[in-house]
Amino acid sequence: MGALNVYMIAGEPSGDRLGAALIRGLRDEAGKQVDFQGIGGDLMIEQGLQSLFPMQEISIMGVVEILSHYRALKARIRQTAEDIIAARPDVLITIDLPEFSLRVARLVRAASDIRIVHYVAPTVWAWRPGRAAKMAAYVDQVLALLPFEPPYMQAAGMRCDFVGHPVVTEPRATLAEAETFRADHGVGEAPLVLVLPGSRRSEVSRLTPVLGQVLGPLSTSFPDLRVVVVAASPVAEAVKEAVLGWPIKPIIVSPLDQDPVTFQAQKRAAFAAATAALAASGTVSLELAATRTPMVIAYDMNWVSRQIIGRMLRVDTVTLVNLVAESRAIPEFIGKRCRPDLIASAMKDVLSDPEAQYSAMAVCMDRLGAGGDPPGHLAARAVLSGLTKTSKRP
C-alpha cells in the first residue's frame, strides 16, 4: 500500500494552524504513510510539510494591496501550480486565502484531474455569492468551519462538510496562569485591555494608529488602565514600531522575544488576563470567545477596497461570534465607522459591563463543536471520504 501524497497551501497564521491540525488528523486517520508538501508556516513545517517558499510572501489582504503586489503574486501562483502539476499528489488542499489559493486551483484543474479540496468556505453568505458557482468548476469539496455554510456550497454543486472550528479544541490558560501574567507585569487588579491589530502588514499599518487613539479617552475614564499587545509572527517587528507613540506604553507579547512554546503560553495568558479586547476583525474574535474575553471589533481597508466591498456586503455584521450565535452582542466598527471616538465609547461600555457578552460567546462555542471530536480529525475524515469516491463531484 503506497503512501498518500498530499499537497497543501496556507498563506496566513490561521491557515497554518488549520493545516497543522489537518496534517495530524490525516496521519492518524489514513491508516498508511502520508507525505506532505506545499506552502505553509512554522506549524505546518513542524508537522513535516516541505514548504516551497515562505508563507508570508502570499499573505496580502485588500483589493488595492493585492493589485500593488500583483506581479509577484502572479509569479508565485504560476510557480505553485506548476509544482503541483509536476508532483501529481493524490489531493490538493488549499486553505483559505482565496486571492491566492483559488487561482492556483483553477490552473491545476485546467491541466490535471487532481482532486481539489478547499478548507474554509468562502463567505458567500456575506458578499459575492456568485463565488460558489465559480468555485464549483475547479473545486471538488469544501471543508466548512461554520455550521450554516454547507447549504451554500452544496447548492453550487460541491460536496461540503462542516468539520467544526479548531478554536474549540485549542488550549486555554488557567486562572492561575492569568493571575501570574498580571502579577509578572505589575497589572494587579487594574483593567487590562488586550489589543490585537491583525496578522497582515496592511492591517497593522492601517489599524494601529486608530487603536492607539482609542487609549487616550479610555485612560481618562479608567486612570489605572493597562494595555497588552499580542503581535502575530508575520508582523511582530512592525507592531513593535507602530505602538511606540501610543499614549499608554503597552506590554508587548511578541514571538521575537521568546521561543514559540513560551510565546503561545504568554499569548493564552494575556487573553485570559484581559478585562476586554480591542481586535481586528477575523478569526481572533472566536479565540476571544473561547476564553470568554469580551471584545470590541474594528477594521478598515484602503478607501477603494472599502467602497468596493462595502457595496457588496449582504450581512449587517462581519463578526463571527455574532453570526454563529445569531446575536449582535459584539460591537463592531468597520470601514468608515472605524473611528477612535466611536470605538472608545464602546470600549468604555464593555469595560464597565464585561459580562454582557458571555451568553453569546457560549452559544457560539457550542455551535462550533465544543466537546466533540477535534476538527482536524473531522476534516481528515472528510478528505479521506472524498478520496474514496469514484466521481470528482459529490
Protein backbone atom coordinates (compact mmCIF):
# COMPACT_ATOMS: atom_id res chain seq x y z
CA MET A 1 0.00 0.00 0.00
CA GLY A 2 1.66 3.20 -1.21
CA ALA A 3 1.87 6.44 0.70
CA LEU A 4 -0.84 9.09 0.41
CA ASN A 5 0.64 12.21 -1.17
CA VAL A 6 -0.96 15.48 -0.04
CA TYR A 7 -0.18 18.98 -1.32
CA MET A 8 -1.33 21.77 1.00
CA ILE A 9 -1.34 25.57 0.66
CA ALA A 10 -1.72 28.03 3.54
CA GLY A 11 -0.81 31.70 3.49
CA GLU A 12 -1.51 33.17 6.94
CA PRO A 13 -1.29 32.15 10.63
CA SER A 14 -4.90 30.94 10.93
CA GLY A 15 -4.44 28.77 7.85
CA ASP A 16 -1.15 27.47 9.22
CA ARG A 17 -2.95 26.30 12.37
CA LEU A 18 -5.69 24.62 10.33
CA GLY A 19 -3.12 22.94 8.15
CA ALA A 20 -1.06 21.64 11.06
CA ALA A 21 -4.15 20.12 12.71
CA LEU A 22 -5.23 18.55 9.42
CA ILE A 23 -1.77 17.03 8.92
CA ARG A 24 -2.04 15.41 12.35
CA GLY A 25 -5.56 14.23 11.59
CA LEU A 26 -4.59 12.70 8.24
CA ARG A 27 -1.69 10.84 9.80
CA ASP A 28 -3.98 9.41 12.48
CA GLU A 29 -6.91 8.59 10.19
CA ALA A 30 -5.30 7.47 6.90
CA GLY A 31 -4.10 4.04 8.00
CA LYS A 32 -0.92 4.41 5.94
CA GLN A 33 2.02 6.77 5.45
CA VAL A 34 1.11 10.30 4.40
CA ASP A 35 3.64 12.64 2.75
CA PHE A 36 3.13 16.41 2.68
CA GLN A 37 4.48 19.20 0.52
CA GLY A 38 3.22 22.64 -0.42
CA ILE A 39 3.30 26.07 1.24
CA GLY A 40 2.89 26.63 4.95
CA GLY A 41 4.19 28.32 8.07
CA ASP A 42 6.13 27.16 11.10
CA LEU A 43 3.35 24.96 12.49
CA MET A 44 2.85 23.01 9.27
CA ILE A 45 6.59 22.72 8.72
CA GLU A 46 6.97 21.33 12.25
CA GLN A 47 4.44 18.66 11.28
CA GLY A 48 6.56 17.61 8.31
CA LEU A 49 5.44 19.84 5.42
CA GLN A 50 8.16 20.81 2.94
CA SER A 51 7.35 24.43 2.06
CA LEU A 52 8.04 25.63 -1.48
CA PHE A 53 8.72 29.20 -0.28
CA PRO A 54 7.98 31.30 2.86
CA MET A 55 4.27 31.56 3.59
CA GLN A 56 4.49 35.30 4.36
CA GLU A 57 5.10 36.08 0.68
CA ILE A 58 1.44 35.44 -0.15
CA SER A 59 -0.27 36.92 2.92
CA ILE A 60 -1.92 40.01 1.42
CA MET A 61 -5.41 41.43 2.05
CA GLY A 62 -7.46 44.08 0.24
CA VAL A 63 -8.12 44.93 -3.40
CA VAL A 64 -5.54 47.71 -3.71
CA GLU A 65 -2.96 45.80 -1.68
CA ILE A 66 -3.32 42.79 -3.99
CA LEU A 67 -3.01 44.97 -7.09
CA SER A 68 0.16 46.59 -5.78
CA HIS A 69 1.76 43.14 -5.38
CA TYR A 70 0.15 41.67 -8.49
CA ARG A 71 3.29 40.75 -10.45
CA ALA A 72 4.95 38.98 -7.55
CA LEU A 73 1.73 37.17 -6.64
CA LYS A 74 1.12 36.11 -10.23
CA ALA A 75 4.61 34.63 -10.45
CA ARG A 76 4.13 32.69 -7.20
CA ILE A 77 0.71 31.46 -8.36
CA ARG A 78 2.20 30.10 -11.58
CA GLN A 79 5.19 28.58 -9.77
CA THR A 80 2.93 26.85 -7.24
CA ALA A 81 0.54 25.48 -9.87
CA GLU A 82 3.41 24.09 -11.91
CA ASP A 83 4.89 22.47 -8.81
CA ILE A 84 1.57 20.78 -8.01
CA ILE A 85 1.03 19.53 -11.56
CA ALA A 86 4.56 18.09 -11.61
CA ALA A 87 4.14 16.46 -8.18
CA ARG A 88 0.74 14.89 -9.07
CA PRO A 89 -0.43 14.48 -5.45
CA ASP A 90 -3.47 12.39 -4.54
CA VAL A 91 -5.17 15.55 -3.32
CA LEU A 92 -4.55 19.30 -3.29
CA ILE A 93 -5.87 21.02 -0.17
CA THR A 94 -5.98 24.81 -0.35
CA ILE A 95 -6.56 26.54 2.98
CA ASP A 96 -8.40 29.88 2.96
CA LEU A 97 -6.55 32.82 1.28
CA PRO A 98 -8.76 32.63 -1.84
CA GLU A 99 -6.92 35.51 -3.51
CA PHE A 100 -4.02 33.11 -3.99
CA SER A 101 -5.15 29.54 -3.46
CA LEU A 102 -8.21 29.51 -5.70
CA ARG A 103 -6.21 30.99 -8.56
CA VAL A 104 -3.75 28.14 -8.12
CA ALA A 105 -6.61 25.64 -8.00
CA ARG A 106 -8.03 26.94 -11.28
CA LEU A 107 -4.71 26.44 -13.05
CA VAL A 108 -4.28 22.97 -11.59
CA ARG A 109 -7.75 21.87 -12.68
CA ALA A 110 -7.16 23.15 -16.20
CA ALA A 111 -4.11 20.92 -16.55
CA SER A 112 -4.94 17.84 -14.46
CA ASP A 113 -7.58 15.73 -12.72
CA ILE A 114 -6.01 16.10 -9.27
CA ARG A 115 -8.74 16.16 -6.60
CA ILE A 116 -9.05 19.65 -5.11
CA VAL A 117 -10.35 20.38 -1.61
CA HIS A 118 -10.73 23.92 -0.29
CA TYR A 119 -10.60 24.28 3.50
CA VAL A 120 -12.67 27.23 4.79
CA ALA A 121 -15.76 28.04 2.79
CA PRO A 122 -15.75 31.46 1.13
CA THR A 123 -18.03 33.97 2.82
CA VAL A 124 -20.68 33.84 0.10
CA TRP A 125 -23.29 34.44 2.81
CA ALA A 126 -21.67 37.85 3.38
CA TRP A 127 -20.73 39.08 -0.08
CA ARG A 128 -20.22 37.96 -3.69
CA PRO A 129 -22.49 34.88 -3.63
CA GLY A 130 -21.51 34.06 -7.21
CA ARG A 131 -18.12 32.83 -5.98
CA ALA A 132 -19.59 29.46 -5.03
CA ALA A 133 -20.75 28.71 -8.57
CA LYS A 134 -17.37 29.76 -9.99
CA MET A 135 -15.52 27.55 -7.49
CA ALA A 136 -17.59 24.54 -8.50
CA ALA A 137 -15.81 24.49 -11.85
CA TYR A 138 -12.48 23.56 -10.24
CA VAL A 139 -13.10 22.63 -6.57
CA ASP A 140 -14.45 19.18 -5.71
CA GLN A 141 -15.04 19.53 -1.99
CA VAL A 142 -15.21 22.26 0.64
CA LEU A 143 -14.49 21.90 4.35
CA ALA A 144 -16.59 24.41 6.29
CA LEU A 145 -15.75 25.88 9.69
CA LEU A 146 -19.18 27.35 10.33
CA PRO A 147 -22.36 25.28 10.70
CA PHE A 148 -24.53 27.39 8.40
CA GLU A 149 -22.17 27.22 5.38
CA PRO A 150 -22.67 23.78 3.72
CA PRO A 151 -26.02 24.56 2.02
CA TYR A 152 -24.44 27.45 0.11
CA MET A 153 -21.68 25.22 -1.28
CA GLN A 154 -23.92 22.24 -1.96
CA ALA A 155 -26.35 24.41 -3.91
CA ALA A 156 -23.47 25.29 -6.24
CA GLY A 157 -22.68 21.62 -6.85
CA MET A 158 -19.78 20.90 -4.49
CA ARG A 159 -19.56 18.44 -1.65
CA CYS A 160 -19.30 20.39 1.61
CA ASP A 161 -18.63 19.05 5.11
CA PHE A 162 -18.99 21.04 8.33
CA VAL A 163 -15.91 19.92 10.27
CA GLY A 164 -16.10 22.20 13.31
CA HIS A 165 -13.85 25.10 14.17
CA PRO A 166 -10.38 24.44 15.65
CA VAL A 167 -10.84 27.18 18.21
CA VAL A 168 -12.96 24.81 20.34
CA THR A 169 -10.02 22.47 20.97
CA GLU A 170 -7.17 24.95 21.31
CA PRO A 171 -5.55 25.08 24.77
CA ARG A 172 -6.58 27.87 27.11
CA ALA A 173 -4.80 29.48 30.03
CA THR A 174 -5.85 28.59 33.54
CA LEU A 175 -6.97 31.17 36.08
CA ALA A 176 -3.63 30.73 37.84
CA GLU A 177 -1.73 31.44 34.61
CA ALA A 178 -3.81 34.57 34.01
CA GLU A 179 -3.13 35.78 37.55
CA THR A 180 0.59 35.06 37.11
CA PHE A 181 0.63 37.13 33.91
CA ARG A 182 -0.95 40.06 35.73
CA ALA A 183 1.47 39.74 38.63
CA ASP A 184 4.57 39.41 36.42
CA HIS A 185 3.68 42.61 34.56
CA GLY A 186 2.56 44.60 37.59
CA VAL A 187 -1.06 44.82 36.45
CA GLY A 188 -2.62 43.77 39.74
CA GLU A 189 -6.38 44.42 39.76
CA ALA A 190 -6.27 47.18 37.14
CA PRO A 191 -8.41 46.91 33.99
CA LEU A 192 -6.31 45.35 31.24
CA VAL A 193 -7.12 45.96 27.56
CA LEU A 194 -5.79 43.41 25.08
CA VAL A 195 -5.08 44.94 21.66
CA LEU A 196 -4.86 42.66 18.61
CA PRO A 197 -4.01 44.71 15.48
CA GLY A 198 -4.08 41.86 12.94
CA SER A 199 -1.66 39.45 11.30
CA ARG A 200 -1.11 41.19 7.95
CA ARG A 201 1.20 44.13 7.29
CA SER A 202 -1.61 46.11 5.68
CA GLU A 203 -3.82 45.62 8.75
CA VAL A 204 -1.13 46.70 11.20
CA SER A 205 -0.20 49.84 9.26
CA ARG A 206 -3.83 50.91 8.91
CA LEU A 207 -5.25 49.91 12.31
CA THR A 208 -2.55 50.63 14.90
CA PRO A 209 -2.83 54.44 14.65
CA VAL A 210 -6.60 54.23 15.14
CA LEU A 211 -6.37 51.78 18.02
CA GLY A 212 -3.72 53.91 19.69
CA GLN A 213 -6.03 56.93 19.58
CA VAL A 214 -8.68 54.96 21.46
CA LEU A 215 -6.43 54.58 24.50
CA GLY A 216 -6.29 58.27 25.46
CA PRO A 217 -10.05 58.64 26.13
CA LEU A 218 -10.08 55.25 27.88
CA SER A 219 -7.32 56.28 30.27
CA THR A 220 -9.36 59.34 31.25
CA SER A 221 -12.27 57.12 32.30
CA PHE A 222 -10.01 54.38 33.73
CA PRO A 223 -6.88 56.11 35.12
CA ASP A 224 -5.16 52.84 36.09
CA LEU A 225 -5.77 51.24 32.68
CA ARG A 226 -3.07 48.90 31.36
CA VAL A 227 -2.62 47.67 27.80
CA VAL A 228 -1.14 44.47 26.38
CA VAL A 229 -0.48 43.92 22.67
CA VAL A 230 -0.03 40.44 21.21
CA ALA A 231 1.95 40.58 17.95
CA ALA A 232 1.45 37.88 15.31
CA SER A 233 4.63 36.32 13.91
CA PRO A 234 4.49 37.80 10.38
CA VAL A 235 4.15 41.37 11.67
CA ALA A 236 5.88 41.30 15.05
CA GLU A 237 8.57 43.87 14.19
CA ALA A 238 6.03 46.17 12.53
CA VAL A 239 3.79 46.05 15.59
CA LYS A 240 6.64 46.99 17.93
CA GLU A 241 7.40 50.05 15.84
CA ALA A 242 3.76 51.02 15.35
CA VAL A 243 2.93 51.23 19.08
CA LEU A 244 5.88 53.46 20.05
CA GLY A 245 3.77 56.63 20.02
CA TRP A 246 0.77 55.28 21.94
CA PRO A 247 -0.35 57.30 25.00
CA ILE A 248 -0.10 54.20 27.21
CA LYS A 249 3.07 52.15 26.92
CA PRO A 250 1.84 48.62 26.24
CA ILE A 251 3.09 45.28 27.46
CA ILE A 252 4.17 43.56 24.25
CA VAL A 253 3.89 39.80 23.85
CA SER A 254 6.00 39.04 20.80
CA PRO A 255 7.42 35.90 19.18
CA LEU A 256 10.63 37.85 18.61
CA ASP A 257 11.40 37.82 22.33
CA GLN A 258 10.85 34.15 23.20
CA ASP A 259 10.68 30.64 21.82
CA PRO A 260 7.41 29.56 20.11
CA VAL A 261 6.12 27.47 23.03
CA THR A 262 6.65 30.27 25.54
CA PHE A 263 5.11 32.80 23.17
CA GLN A 264 1.95 30.74 22.77
CA ALA A 265 1.68 30.27 26.54
CA GLN A 266 2.10 34.01 27.10
CA LYS A 267 -0.47 34.76 24.39
CA ARG A 268 -3.02 32.47 26.05
CA ALA A 269 -2.30 34.04 29.43
CA ALA A 270 -2.76 37.55 28.01
CA PHE A 271 -6.12 36.57 26.54
CA ALA A 272 -7.28 35.14 29.84
CA ALA A 273 -5.90 38.01 31.92
CA ALA A 274 -7.54 40.75 29.85
CA THR A 275 -10.63 42.56 31.06
CA ALA A 276 -11.61 43.24 27.44
CA ALA A 277 -10.07 43.16 23.98
CA LEU A 278 -9.87 45.58 21.08
CA ALA A 279 -9.27 43.45 18.00
CA ALA A 280 -9.08 43.49 14.23
CA SER A 281 -11.94 41.65 12.56
CA GLY A 282 -11.30 37.99 11.80
CA THR A 283 -10.87 34.58 13.37
CA VAL A 284 -9.44 36.16 16.50
CA SER A 285 -12.98 37.02 17.66
CA LEU A 286 -13.59 33.29 18.07
CA GLU A 287 -10.36 32.89 20.05
CA LEU A 288 -11.54 35.63 22.37
CA ALA A 289 -14.96 33.99 22.72
CA ALA A 290 -13.29 30.68 23.62
CA THR A 291 -11.52 32.40 26.53
CA ARG A 292 -14.63 34.40 27.50
CA THR A 293 -12.82 37.67 26.81
CA PRO A 294 -15.31 40.47 26.00
CA MET A 295 -14.38 42.40 22.90
CA VAL A 296 -14.86 45.28 20.50
CA ILE A 297 -14.03 44.63 16.85
CA ALA A 298 -12.56 47.22 14.47
CA TYR A 299 -11.40 47.02 10.88
CA ASP A 300 -10.63 49.26 7.94
CA MET A 301 -9.08 48.97 4.49
CA ASN A 302 -7.82 51.19 1.74
CA TRP A 303 -10.55 53.63 0.63
CA VAL A 304 -11.05 51.92 -2.72
CA SER A 305 -11.26 48.46 -1.14
CA ARG A 306 -13.72 49.82 1.42
CA GLN A 307 -16.02 51.21 -1.27
CA ILE A 308 -15.99 48.05 -3.35
CA ILE A 309 -16.51 45.59 -0.51
CA GLY A 310 -18.95 47.85 1.35
CA ARG A 311 -21.33 47.84 -1.60
CA MET A 312 -21.20 44.04 -1.82
CA LEU A 313 -21.91 43.15 1.81
CA ARG A 314 -25.09 41.11 2.37
CA VAL A 315 -24.98 40.99 6.19
CA ASP A 316 -25.19 43.64 8.90
CA THR A 317 -22.27 42.22 10.92
CA VAL A 318 -18.97 40.62 9.95
CA THR A 319 -18.02 39.46 13.45
CA LEU A 320 -18.07 35.67 13.53
CA VAL A 321 -19.29 35.44 17.12
CA ASN A 322 -22.34 37.49 16.20
CA LEU A 323 -23.03 35.41 13.10
CA VAL A 324 -22.66 31.97 14.67
CA ALA A 325 -24.60 32.88 17.82
CA GLU A 326 -27.22 34.80 15.80
CA SER A 327 -26.60 37.73 18.09
CA ARG A 328 -25.33 41.28 17.81
CA ALA A 329 -23.77 41.36 21.26
CA ILE A 330 -20.27 42.15 19.99
CA PRO A 331 -19.82 45.81 18.96
CA GLU A 332 -18.01 46.30 15.67
CA PHE A 333 -16.68 49.32 13.81
CA ILE A 334 -15.95 48.57 10.18
CA GLY A 335 -14.89 50.85 7.32
CA LYS A 336 -15.99 54.45 7.77
CA ARG A 337 -17.17 53.66 11.32
CA CYS A 338 -13.65 52.61 12.31
CA ARG A 339 -13.20 55.85 14.26
CA PRO A 340 -11.42 56.33 17.59
CA ASP A 341 -14.33 58.20 19.22
CA LEU A 342 -16.90 55.50 18.39
CA ILE A 343 -14.58 52.66 19.37
CA ALA A 344 -13.61 54.35 22.66
CA SER A 345 -17.25 54.77 23.63
CA ALA A 346 -17.95 51.08 23.02
CA MET A 347 -14.82 50.04 24.91
CA LYS A 348 -15.92 52.09 27.93
CA ASP A 349 -19.23 50.20 27.93
CA VAL A 350 -17.54 46.82 27.68
CA LEU A 351 -15.03 47.61 30.42
CA SER A 352 -17.90 48.77 32.65
CA ASP A 353 -20.03 45.65 31.97
CA PRO A 354 -17.78 42.86 30.65
CA GLU A 355 -20.31 40.09 31.38
CA ALA A 356 -22.87 41.32 28.83
CA GLN A 357 -21.27 39.24 26.04
CA TYR A 358 -20.88 35.92 27.91
CA SER A 359 -24.13 34.32 26.73
CA ALA A 360 -23.45 34.95 23.02
CA MET A 361 -19.91 33.62 23.35
CA ALA A 362 -21.14 30.41 24.99
CA VAL A 363 -23.73 29.78 22.26
CA CYS A 364 -21.08 30.39 19.62
CA MET A 365 -18.68 27.83 21.08
CA ASP A 366 -21.42 25.21 21.39
CA ARG A 367 -22.42 25.61 17.75
CA LEU A 368 -18.80 25.39 16.60
CA GLY A 369 -18.44 21.91 18.08
CA ALA A 370 -17.16 22.37 21.63
CA GLY A 371 -16.95 18.97 23.33
CA GLY A 372 -16.90 16.98 20.07
CA ASP A 373 -14.12 15.29 18.08
CA PRO A 374 -11.15 17.53 17.13
CA PRO A 375 -11.88 19.49 13.94
CA GLY A 376 -8.55 18.48 12.41
CA HIS A 377 -9.60 14.83 12.61
CA LEU A 378 -13.12 15.57 11.34
CA ALA A 379 -11.56 17.40 8.40
CA ALA A 380 -9.20 14.49 7.74
CA ARG A 381 -12.10 12.03 7.68
CA ALA A 382 -13.96 14.24 5.22
CA VAL A 383 -10.91 14.44 2.92
CA LEU A 384 -10.34 10.68 3.05
CA SER A 385 -14.02 10.00 2.45
CA GLY A 386 -13.89 12.20 -0.63
CA LEU A 387 -10.87 10.30 -1.95
CA THR A 388 -12.78 7.00 -1.82
CA LYS A 389 -15.44 8.31 -4.21
CA THR A 390 -15.04 7.46 -7.87
CA SER A 391 -16.55 10.76 -9.01
CA LYS A 392 -14.90 14.14 -8.68
CA ARG A 393 -18.27 15.61 -7.76
CA PRO A 394 -20.50 14.96 -4.72
